[in-house]
Amino acid sequence: MNKTIAIAGLGWLGQPLAYRLTTLGYAVKGSVTSIEKATLLQQNGFDAYPVEISENGIEGEVLALLKNVDYLLIMIPLGLRKNTGADYVLKMVHLLSAINESAVKKIVLVSSTSVYDDSQGRVTERDEPKPETIAGKQLRQVEELFMNAEGLQTTVVRFGGLIGGSRNPVKYLAGRKDLADGNAPVNLIHRDDCINILVEILKKDAFGTVFNAVNPNHPQKAEYYIQKAKELGLEAPTFAEAVSNETFKQVDSVNLKSVLDYSFRTSI
């Protein structure tokens, strides 16, 4: 029998993932934040539902989204507002409450490598995250919320900086002067590898674990973005002189190989 997958967040990553899963024989449905977006996606062949999650609760067709679902993939962006203490956590508390009222038992929660602090240096899944930023702290709280939820099997995927399609951070850095941390290693992943990793988790039923999903190639930030700017015909950024003895975060994975036997396929 075909498995049904719900994707909470049919965005930059969720839409191409839905296409891939459909080609593999899964029944796929997903959510967007408005009726207008849902209608547009429906016209393009998606089984899409409007679901808006806020600090105050959930509006829209969340029950229909979660009905008869074998796996739920949560790809809802952080969306922190200025001066808000627990915005994302509250949203996810509401979502978890809705999940608990459904029959969903297996979840993939998309998180971020920002749960690790720069001061931690090189990290793998074996290292306990020690976030210092508001975003990192909230992401870590949500990870723990889902992984400790009774009756659920949650796998957390911590993606690095996302690139692919027209998305590359160099577009925001082009022409900027005296940027900091030029010696820092980049922690990036291409969208194609994001999709491949998520598919492998589903195929191998790899629930109840954590994956750091970052390309193992870590060139220095200055070297990488200057080269990317040249390739795209953009004005290259410049970087301030490096400070000696700086500690920078480098995110690697042991679980991608040991659990999924995954090898990266797309260069950053």
C-alpha atoms as a PDB file:
ATOM      1  CA  MET A   1       0.000   0.000   0.000  1.00  0.00           C
ATOM      2  CA  ASN A   2       1.307   3.458  -0.880  1.00  0.00           C
ATOM      3  CA  LYS A   3       2.354   5.600   2.035  1.00  0.00           C
ATOM      4  CA  THR A   4       0.917   9.100   2.458  1.00  0.00           C
ATOM      5  CA  ILE A   5       3.223  11.989   3.301  1.00  0.00           C
ATOM      6  CA  ALA A   6       2.205  15.436   4.484  1.00  0.00           C
ATOM      7  CA  ILE A   7       4.633  18.328   4.066  1.00  0.00           C
ATOM      8  CA  ALA A   8       3.994  21.275   6.365  1.00  0.00           C
ATOM      9  CA  GLY A   9       5.500  24.040   4.258  1.00  0.00           C
ATOM     10  CA  LEU A  10       5.351  23.719   0.458  1.00  0.00           C
ATOM     11  CA  GLY A  11       8.023  26.305  -0.201  1.00  0.00           C
ATOM     12  CA  TRP A  12      11.445  26.502  -1.864  1.00  0.00           C
ATOM     13  CA  LEU A  13      12.349  23.030  -0.597  1.00  0.00           C
ATOM     14  CA  GLY A  14       8.920  21.510   0.020  1.00  0.00           C
ATOM     15  CA  GLN A  15       7.592  21.832  -3.535  1.00  0.00           C
ATOM     16  CA  PRO A  16      10.439  20.048  -5.356  1.00  0.00           C
ATOM     17  CA  LEU A  17      10.483  17.440  -2.578  1.00  0.00           C
ATOM     18  CA  ALA A  18       6.769  16.835  -3.164  1.00  0.00           C
ATOM     19  CA  TYR A  19       7.428  16.327  -6.882  1.00  0.00           C
ATOM     20  CA  ARG A  20      10.175  13.798  -6.126  1.00  0.00           C
ATOM     21  CA  LEU A  21       8.108  11.853  -3.619  1.00  0.00           C
ATOM     22  CA  THR A  22       5.204  11.686  -6.062  1.00  0.00           C
ATOM     23  CA  THR A  23       7.462  10.169  -8.721  1.00  0.00           C
ATOM     24  CA  LEU A  24       8.497   7.530  -6.166  1.00  0.00           C
ATOM     25  CA  GLY A  25       4.897   6.465  -5.663  1.00  0.00           C
ATOM     26  CA  TYR A  26       4.059   8.255  -2.422  1.00  0.00           C
ATOM     27  CA  ALA A  27       0.764  10.075  -2.017  1.00  0.00           C
ATOM     28  CA  VAL A  28       1.753  13.622  -1.078  1.00  0.00           C
ATOM     29  CA  LYS A  29      -0.131  16.585   0.334  1.00  0.00           C
ATOM     30  CA  GLY A  30       1.091  19.778   1.877  1.00  0.00           C
ATOM     31  CA  SER A  31       0.335  23.133   3.416  1.00  0.00           C
ATOM     32  CA  VAL A  32       0.850  26.779   2.550  1.00  0.00           C
ATOM     33  CA  THR A  33      -0.092  29.888   4.503  1.00  0.00           C
ATOM     34  CA  SER A  34      -3.041  31.183   2.480  1.00  0.00           C
ATOM     35  CA  ILE A  35      -6.049  30.105   0.452  1.00  0.00           C
ATOM     36  CA  GLU A  36      -4.626  31.979  -2.554  1.00  0.00           C
ATOM     37  CA  LYS A  37      -1.358  30.010  -2.446  1.00  0.00           C
ATOM     38  CA  ALA A  38      -3.239  26.744  -1.928  1.00  0.00           C
ATOM     39  CA  THR A  39      -5.484  27.448  -4.910  1.00  0.00           C
ATOM     40  CA  LEU A  40      -2.520  28.242  -7.141  1.00  0.00           C
ATOM     41  CA  LEU A  41      -0.729  25.042  -6.121  1.00  0.00           C
ATOM     42  CA  GLN A  42      -3.911  23.003  -6.616  1.00  0.00           C
ATOM     43  CA  GLN A  43      -4.112  24.361 -10.147  1.00  0.00           C
ATOM     44  CA  ASN A  44      -0.555  23.071 -10.644  1.00  0.00           C
ATOM     45  CA  GLY A  45      -1.400  19.584  -9.446  1.00  0.00           C
ATOM     46  CA  PHE A  46      -0.546  19.800  -5.747  1.00  0.00           C
ATOM     47  CA  ASP A  47      -2.844  18.509  -3.004  1.00  0.00           C
ATOM     48  CA  ALA A  48      -2.434  21.710  -0.982  1.00  0.00           C
ATOM     49  CA  TYR A  49      -4.212  23.020   2.105  1.00  0.00           C
ATOM     50  CA  PRO A  50      -4.191  26.492   3.675  1.00  0.00           C
ATOM     51  CA  VAL A  51      -2.749  26.285   7.204  1.00  0.00           C
ATOM     52  CA  GLU A  52      -1.595  29.358   9.128  1.00  0.00           C
ATOM     53  CA  ILE A  53       0.213  28.765  12.428  1.00  0.00           C
ATOM     54  CA  SER A  54       0.651  31.715  14.776  1.00  0.00           C
ATOM     55  CA  GLU A  55       1.374  32.283  18.438  1.00  0.00           C
ATOM     56  CA  ASN A  56      -2.371  32.265  19.039  1.00  0.00           C
ATOM     57  CA  GLY A  57      -3.139  28.922  17.400  1.00  0.00           C
ATOM     58  CA  ILE A  58      -3.803  27.359  13.998  1.00  0.00           C
ATOM     59  CA  GLU A  59      -6.203  28.558  11.334  1.00  0.00           C
ATOM     60  CA  GLY A  60      -7.112  26.598   8.237  1.00  0.00           C
ATOM     61  CA  GLU A  61      -7.388  22.971   7.259  1.00  0.00           C
ATOM     62  CA  VAL A  62      -4.832  21.351   9.581  1.00  0.00           C
ATOM     63  CA  LEU A  63      -7.088  18.352  10.308  1.00  0.00           C
ATOM     64  CA  ALA A  64      -7.406  17.621   6.595  1.00  0.00           C
ATOM     65  CA  LEU A  65      -3.639  18.005   6.186  1.00  0.00           C
ATOM     66  CA  LEU A  66      -2.934  15.438   8.915  1.00  0.00           C
ATOM     67  CA  LYS A  67      -5.722  12.968   8.097  1.00  0.00           C
ATOM     68  CA  ASN A  68      -4.593   9.464   7.091  1.00  0.00           C
ATOM     69  CA  VAL A  69      -0.927  10.472   7.039  1.00  0.00           C
ATOM     70  CA  ASP A  70       1.931   7.999   7.564  1.00  0.00           C
ATOM     71  CA  TYR A  71       4.768  10.549   7.697  1.00  0.00           C
ATOM     72  CA  LEU A  72       4.771  14.274   8.443  1.00  0.00           C
ATOM     73  CA  LEU A  73       7.631  16.487   7.266  1.00  0.00           C
ATOM     74  CA  ILE A  74       7.761  19.839   9.066  1.00  0.00           C
ATOM     75  CA  MET A  75       9.431  22.581   7.027  1.00  0.00           C
ATOM     76  CA  ILE A  76       7.985  25.663   8.646  1.00  0.00           C
ATOM     77  CA  PRO A  77      10.554  28.482   8.688  1.00  0.00           C
ATOM     78  CA  LEU A  78      11.583  30.136  11.918  1.00  0.00           C
ATOM     79  CA  GLY A  79       9.953  33.477  11.040  1.00  0.00           C
ATOM     80  CA  LEU A  80      11.002  35.197  14.256  1.00  0.00           C
ATOM     81  CA  ARG A  81       9.634  38.672  14.803  1.00  0.00           C
ATOM     82  CA  LYS A  82      11.668  41.401  16.397  1.00  0.00           C
ATOM     83  CA  ASN A  83      11.517  41.547  20.187  1.00  0.00           C
ATOM     84  CA  THR A  84       9.435  38.357  20.400  1.00  0.00           C
ATOM     85  CA  GLY A  85      10.634  35.903  22.995  1.00  0.00           C
ATOM     86  CA  ALA A  86       9.012  32.592  22.082  1.00  0.00           C
ATOM     87  CA  ASP A  87       7.299  33.039  18.746  1.00  0.00           C
ATOM     88  CA  TYR A  88       8.527  29.904  16.968  1.00  0.00           C
ATOM     89  CA  VAL A  89       8.269  27.703  20.034  1.00  0.00           C
ATOM     90  CA  LEU A  90       4.656  28.713  20.607  1.00  0.00           C
ATOM     91  CA  LYS A  91       3.812  28.006  16.978  1.00  0.00           C
ATOM     92  CA  MET A  92       5.282  24.543  17.215  1.00  0.00           C
ATOM     93  CA  VAL A  93       3.489  23.848  20.495  1.00  0.00           C
ATOM     94  CA  HIS A  94       0.212  24.486  18.662  1.00  0.00           C
ATOM     95  CA  LEU A  95       1.275  22.240  15.791  1.00  0.00           C
ATOM     96  CA  LEU A  96       2.295  19.454  18.162  1.00  0.00           C
ATOM     97  CA  SER A  97      -1.098  19.672  19.835  1.00  0.00           C
ATOM     98  CA  ALA A  98      -2.805  19.175  16.458  1.00  0.00           C
ATOM     99  CA  ILE A  99      -0.490  16.263  15.658  1.00  0.00           C
ATOM    100  CA  ASN A 100      -1.384  14.615  18.955  1.00  0.00           C
ATOM    101  CA  GLU A 101      -5.045  14.710  17.936  1.00  0.00           C
ATOM    102  CA  SER A 102      -4.217  12.907  14.676  1.00  0.00           C
ATOM    103  CA  ALA A 103      -2.910   9.428  13.904  1.00  0.00           C
ATOM    104  CA  VAL A 104       0.522  10.710  12.806  1.00  0.00           C
ATOM    105  CA  LYS A 105       3.362   8.896  14.569  1.00  0.00           C
ATOM    106  CA  LYS A 106       6.455   9.496  12.430  1.00  0.00           C
ATOM    107  CA  ILE A 107       7.852  12.976  11.899  1.00  0.00           C
ATOM    108  CA  VAL A 108      10.805  14.586  10.160  1.00  0.00           C
ATOM    109  CA  LEU A 109      11.527  17.985  11.697  1.00  0.00           C
ATOM    110  CA  VAL A 110      13.677  20.285   9.576  1.00  0.00           C
ATOM    111  CA  SER A 111      15.952  22.290  11.844  1.00  0.00           C
ATOM    112  CA  SER A 112      19.193  24.195  11.313  1.00  0.00           C
ATOM    113  CA  THR A 113      22.871  24.089  12.174  1.00  0.00           C
ATOM    114  CA  SER A 114      22.321  27.358  14.067  1.00  0.00           C
ATOM    115  CA  VAL A 115      21.571  25.179  17.110  1.00  0.00           C
ATOM    116  CA  TYR A 116      25.377  24.980  17.411  1.00  0.00           C
ATOM    117  CA  ASP A 117      27.332  28.015  18.564  1.00  0.00           C
ATOM    118  CA  ASP A 118      30.481  29.224  16.816  1.00  0.00           C
ATOM    119  CA  SER A 119      32.394  28.678  20.049  1.00  0.00           C
ATOM    120  CA  GLN A 120      31.817  24.924  19.707  1.00  0.00           C
ATOM    121  CA  GLY A 121      34.219  24.625  16.764  1.00  0.00           C
ATOM    122  CA  ARG A 122      33.909  21.366  14.816  1.00  0.00           C
ATOM    123  CA  VAL A 123      30.749  19.483  15.742  1.00  0.00           C
ATOM    124  CA  THR A 124      28.892  16.323  14.758  1.00  0.00           C
ATOM    125  CA  GLU A 125      25.617  14.839  15.967  1.00  0.00           C
ATOM    126  CA  ARG A 126      27.543  13.471  18.954  1.00  0.00           C
ATOM    127  CA  ASP A 127      28.032  17.003  20.292  1.00  0.00           C
ATOM    128  CA  GLU A 128      25.318  18.595  22.410  1.00  0.00           C
ATOM    129  CA  PRO A 129      24.171  21.886  20.850  1.00  0.00           C
ATOM    130  CA  LYS A 130      24.933  24.965  22.953  1.00  0.00           C
ATOM    131  CA  PRO A 131      23.102  27.772  21.142  1.00  0.00           C
ATOM    132  CA  GLU A 132      23.622  31.394  22.148  1.00  0.00           C
ATOM    133  CA  THR A 133      21.409  33.188  19.616  1.00  0.00           C
ATOM    134  CA  ILE A 134      17.648  33.589  20.052  1.00  0.00           C
ATOM    135  CA  ALA A 135      17.034  31.653  16.849  1.00  0.00           C
ATOM    136  CA  GLY A 136      19.359  28.847  17.871  1.00  0.00           C
ATOM    137  CA  LYS A 137      17.818  28.562  21.331  1.00  0.00           C
ATOM    138  CA  GLN A 138      14.289  28.401  19.941  1.00  0.00           C
ATOM    139  CA  LEU A 139      15.203  25.803  17.346  1.00  0.00           C
ATOM    140  CA  ARG A 140      16.805  23.676  20.041  1.00  0.00           C
ATOM    141  CA  GLN A 141      13.710  23.972  22.237  1.00  0.00           C
ATOM    142  CA  VAL A 142      11.533  22.810  19.359  1.00  0.00           C
ATOM    143  CA  GLU A 143      13.854  19.893  18.594  1.00  0.00           C
ATOM    144  CA  GLU A 144      13.579  18.745  22.206  1.00  0.00           C
ATOM    145  CA  LEU A 145       9.820  19.334  22.232  1.00  0.00           C
ATOM    146  CA  PHE A 146       9.290  16.923  19.345  1.00  0.00           C
ATOM    147  CA  MET A 147      11.951  14.376  20.203  1.00  0.00           C
ATOM    148  CA  ASN A 148      10.604  14.055  23.758  1.00  0.00           C
ATOM    149  CA  ALA A 149       6.945  13.942  22.703  1.00  0.00           C
ATOM    150  CA  GLU A 150       5.318  10.752  23.925  1.00  0.00           C
ATOM    151  CA  GLY A 151       4.087   8.422  21.193  1.00  0.00           C
ATOM    152  CA  LEU A 152       5.993  10.127  18.358  1.00  0.00           C
ATOM    153  CA  GLN A 153       9.123   9.064  16.513  1.00  0.00           C
ATOM    154  CA  THR A 154      10.867  12.231  15.377  1.00  0.00           C
ATOM    155  CA  THR A 155      13.978  12.550  13.252  1.00  0.00           C
ATOM    156  CA  VAL A 156      15.642  15.962  13.266  1.00  0.00           C
ATOM    157  CA  VAL A 157      17.509  17.163  10.169  1.00  0.00           C
ATOM    158  CA  ARG A 158      19.809  20.127  10.752  1.00  0.00           C
ATOM    159  CA  PHE A 159      20.433  21.699   7.375  1.00  0.00           C
ATOM    160  CA  GLY A 160      23.312  24.053   6.762  1.00  0.00           C
ATOM    161  CA  GLY A 161      22.969  27.126   4.587  1.00  0.00           C
ATOM    162  CA  LEU A 162      20.682  26.279   1.678  1.00  0.00           C
ATOM    163  CA  ILE A 163      21.776  26.855  -1.905  1.00  0.00           C
ATOM    164  CA  GLY A 164      20.401  25.800  -5.274  1.00  0.00           C
ATOM    165  CA  GLY A 165      18.275  27.178  -8.063  1.00  0.00           C
ATOM    166  CA  SER A 166      18.677  30.946  -7.925  1.00  0.00           C
ATOM    167  CA  ARG A 167      19.577  30.896  -4.230  1.00  0.00           C
ATOM    168  CA  ASN A 168      23.151  31.611  -3.166  1.00  0.00           C
ATOM    169  CA  PRO A 169      24.172  33.807  -0.223  1.00  0.00           C
ATOM    170  CA  VAL A 170      26.810  35.524  -2.364  1.00  0.00           C
ATOM    171  CA  LYS A 171      24.013  37.588  -3.928  1.00  0.00           C
ATOM    172  CA  TYR A 172      23.512  39.282  -0.562  1.00  0.00           C
ATOM    173  CA  LEU A 173      27.253  39.713   0.004  1.00  0.00           C
ATOM    174  CA  ALA A 174      28.234  41.016  -3.456  1.00  0.00           C
ATOM    175  CA  GLY A 175      30.022  44.346  -3.307  1.00  0.00           C
ATOM    176  CA  ARG A 176      30.027  44.568   0.480  1.00  0.00           C
ATOM    177  CA  LYS A 177      33.227  45.688   2.170  1.00  0.00           C
ATOM    178  CA  ASP A 178      35.222  44.538   5.205  1.00  0.00           C
ATOM    179  CA  LEU A 179      33.039  41.565   6.027  1.00  0.00           C
ATOM    180  CA  ALA A 180      33.958  39.661   9.150  1.00  0.00           C
ATOM    181  CA  ASP A 181      34.963  36.021   9.597  1.00  0.00           C
ATOM    182  CA  GLY A 182      36.629  35.516   6.238  1.00  0.00           C
ATOM    183  CA  ASN A 183      38.542  32.539   7.641  1.00  0.00           C
ATOM    184  CA  ALA A 184      35.377  30.774   8.810  1.00  0.00           C
ATOM    185  CA  PRO A 185      34.489  27.533   7.028  1.00  0.00           C
ATOM    186  CA  VAL A 186      31.234  27.556   5.074  1.00  0.00           C
ATOM    187  CA  ASN A 187      28.528  25.114   6.155  1.00  0.00           C
ATOM    188  CA  LEU A 188      26.323  24.774   3.075  1.00  0.00           C
ATOM    189  CA  ILE A 189      24.153  22.192   1.362  1.00  0.00           C
ATOM    190  CA  HIS A 190      22.584  22.090  -2.088  1.00  0.00           C
ATOM    191  CA  ARG A 191      18.835  21.648  -2.364  1.00  0.00           C
ATOM    192  CA  ASP A 192      19.289  18.441  -4.385  1.00  0.00           C
ATOM    193  CA  ASP A 193      21.152  16.829  -1.493  1.00  0.00           C
ATOM    194  CA  CYS A 194      18.489  18.087   0.950  1.00  0.00           C
ATOM    195  CA  ILE A 195      15.842  16.269  -1.073  1.00  0.00           C
ATOM    196  CA  ASN A 196      17.936  13.116  -1.451  1.00  0.00           C
ATOM    197  CA  ILE A 197      18.588  12.933   2.299  1.00  0.00           C
ATOM    198  CA  LEU A 198      14.921  13.378   3.189  1.00  0.00           C
ATOM    199  CA  VAL A 199      13.954  10.675   0.692  1.00  0.00           C
ATOM    200  CA  GLU A 200      16.525   8.275   2.175  1.00  0.00           C
ATOM    201  CA  ILE A 201      15.152   8.850   5.685  1.00  0.00           C
ATOM    202  CA  LEU A 202      11.709   7.831   4.484  1.00  0.00           C
ATOM    203  CA  LYS A 203      12.936   4.880   2.442  1.00  0.00           C
ATOM    204  CA  LYS A 204      14.979   3.482   5.332  1.00  0.00           C
ATOM    205  CA  ASP A 205      12.444   4.356   8.021  1.00  0.00           C
ATOM    206  CA  ALA A 206      15.214   6.182   9.888  1.00  0.00           C
ATOM    207  CA  PHE A 207      13.203   7.727  12.696  1.00  0.00           C
ATOM    208  CA  GLY A 208      14.255   8.687  16.189  1.00  0.00           C
ATOM    209  CA  THR A 209      17.651  10.108  15.256  1.00  0.00           C
ATOM    210  CA  VAL A 210      19.431  13.362  14.321  1.00  0.00           C
ATOM    211  CA  PHE A 211      21.235  14.210  11.100  1.00  0.00           C
ATOM    212  CA  ASN A 212      23.562  17.135  10.467  1.00  0.00           C
ATOM    213  CA  ALA A 213      23.010  17.746   6.766  1.00  0.00           C
ATOM    214  CA  VAL A 214      25.949  19.818   5.525  1.00  0.00           C
ATOM    215  CA  ASN A 215      28.219  19.283   2.529  1.00  0.00           C
ATOM    216  CA  PRO A 216      31.550  17.906   3.829  1.00  0.00           C
ATOM    217  CA  ASN A 217      33.464  20.449   1.727  1.00  0.00           C
ATOM    218  CA  HIS A 218      34.211  23.491   3.926  1.00  0.00           C
ATOM    219  CA  PRO A 219      36.232  26.143   2.036  1.00  0.00           C
ATOM    220  CA  GLN A 220      36.926  29.393   3.842  1.00  0.00           C
ATOM    221  CA  LYS A 221      34.168  31.968   3.559  1.00  0.00           C
ATOM    222  CA  ALA A 222      36.343  34.634   1.871  1.00  0.00           C
ATOM    223  CA  GLU A 223      37.747  32.199  -0.689  1.00  0.00           C
ATOM    224  CA  TYR A 224      34.358  30.700  -1.459  1.00  0.00           C
ATOM    225  CA  TYR A 225      32.285  33.860  -1.831  1.00  0.00           C
ATOM    226  CA  ILE A 226      34.884  35.776  -3.823  1.00  0.00           C
ATOM    227  CA  GLN A 227      35.058  32.870  -6.271  1.00  0.00           C
ATOM    228  CA  LYS A 228      31.250  32.546  -6.452  1.00  0.00           C
ATOM    229  CA  ALA A 229      30.892  36.271  -7.124  1.00  0.00           C
ATOM    230  CA  LYS A 230      33.294  35.983 -10.047  1.00  0.00           C
ATOM    231  CA  GLU A 231      31.418  32.972 -11.449  1.00  0.00           C
ATOM    232  CA  LEU A 232      28.126  34.889 -11.323  1.00  0.00           C
ATOM    233  CA  GLY A 233      29.573  38.118 -12.708  1.00  0.00           C
ATOM    234  CA  LEU A 234      28.975  39.985  -9.436  1.00  0.00           C
ATOM    235  CA  GLU A 235      31.210  42.445  -7.633  1.00  0.00           C
ATOM    236  CA  ALA A 236      33.256  40.400  -5.202  1.00  0.00           C
ATOM    237  CA  PRO A 237      32.909  41.187  -1.489  1.00  0.00           C
ATOM    238  CA  THR A 238      35.968  42.078   0.553  1.00  0.00           C
ATOM    239  CA  PHE A 239      36.807  40.716   3.976  1.00  0.00           C
ATOM    240  CA  ALA A 240      38.439  42.349   6.977  1.00  0.00           C
ATOM    241  CA  GLU A 241      41.819  41.151   8.165  1.00  0.00           C
ATOM    242  CA  ALA A 242      41.463  37.960  10.146  1.00  0.00           C
ATOM    243  CA  VAL A 243      41.821  37.948  13.905  1.00  0.00           C
ATOM    244  CA  SER A 244      44.173  35.299  15.204  1.00  0.00           C
ATOM    245  CA  ASN A 245      42.961  32.438  17.396  1.00  0.00           C
ATOM    246  CA  GLU A 246      39.329  32.768  16.318  1.00  0.00           C
ATOM    247  CA  THR A 247      37.082  29.733  16.760  1.00  0.00           C
ATOM    248  CA  PHE A 248      34.614  28.972  13.991  1.00  0.00           C
ATOM    249  CA  LYS A 249      31.834  26.445  13.686  1.00  0.00           C
ATOM    250  CA  GLN A 250      32.304  23.564  11.277  1.00  0.00           C
ATOM    251  CA  VAL A 251      29.360  21.177  11.089  1.00  0.00           C
ATOM    252  CA  ASP A 252      29.964  17.588  10.020  1.00  0.00           C
ATOM    253  CA  SER A 253      27.994  14.357  10.214  1.00  0.00           C
ATOM    254  CA  VAL A 254      28.620  10.813  11.340  1.00  0.00           C
ATOM    255  CA  ASN A 255      24.998   9.676  11.099  1.00  0.00           C
ATOM    256  CA  LEU A 256      24.474  10.343   7.393  1.00  0.00           C
ATOM    257  CA  LYS A 257      27.021   7.635   6.607  1.00  0.00           C
ATOM    258  CA  SER A 258      26.439   5.245   9.489  1.00  0.00           C
ATOM    259  CA  VAL A 259      22.609   5.310   9.395  1.00  0.00           C
ATOM    260  CA  LEU A 260      21.739   6.186   5.789  1.00  0.00           C
ATOM    261  CA  ASP A 261      24.978   5.254   4.008  1.00  0.00           C
ATOM    262  CA  TYR A 262      24.562   8.600   2.266  1.00  0.00           C
ATOM    263  CA  SER A 263      27.166  10.234   0.027  1.00  0.00           C
ATOM    264  CA  PHE A 264      26.774  13.802  -1.200  1.00  0.00           C
ATOM    265  CA  ARG A 265      26.046  14.108  -4.907  1.00  0.00           C
ATOM    266  CA  THR A 266      25.903  17.847  -5.666  1.00  0.00           C
ATOM    267  CA  SER A 267      28.793  20.257  -5.283  1.00  0.00           C
ATOM    268  CA  ILE A 268      28.293  23.523  -3.425  1.00  0.00           C
END
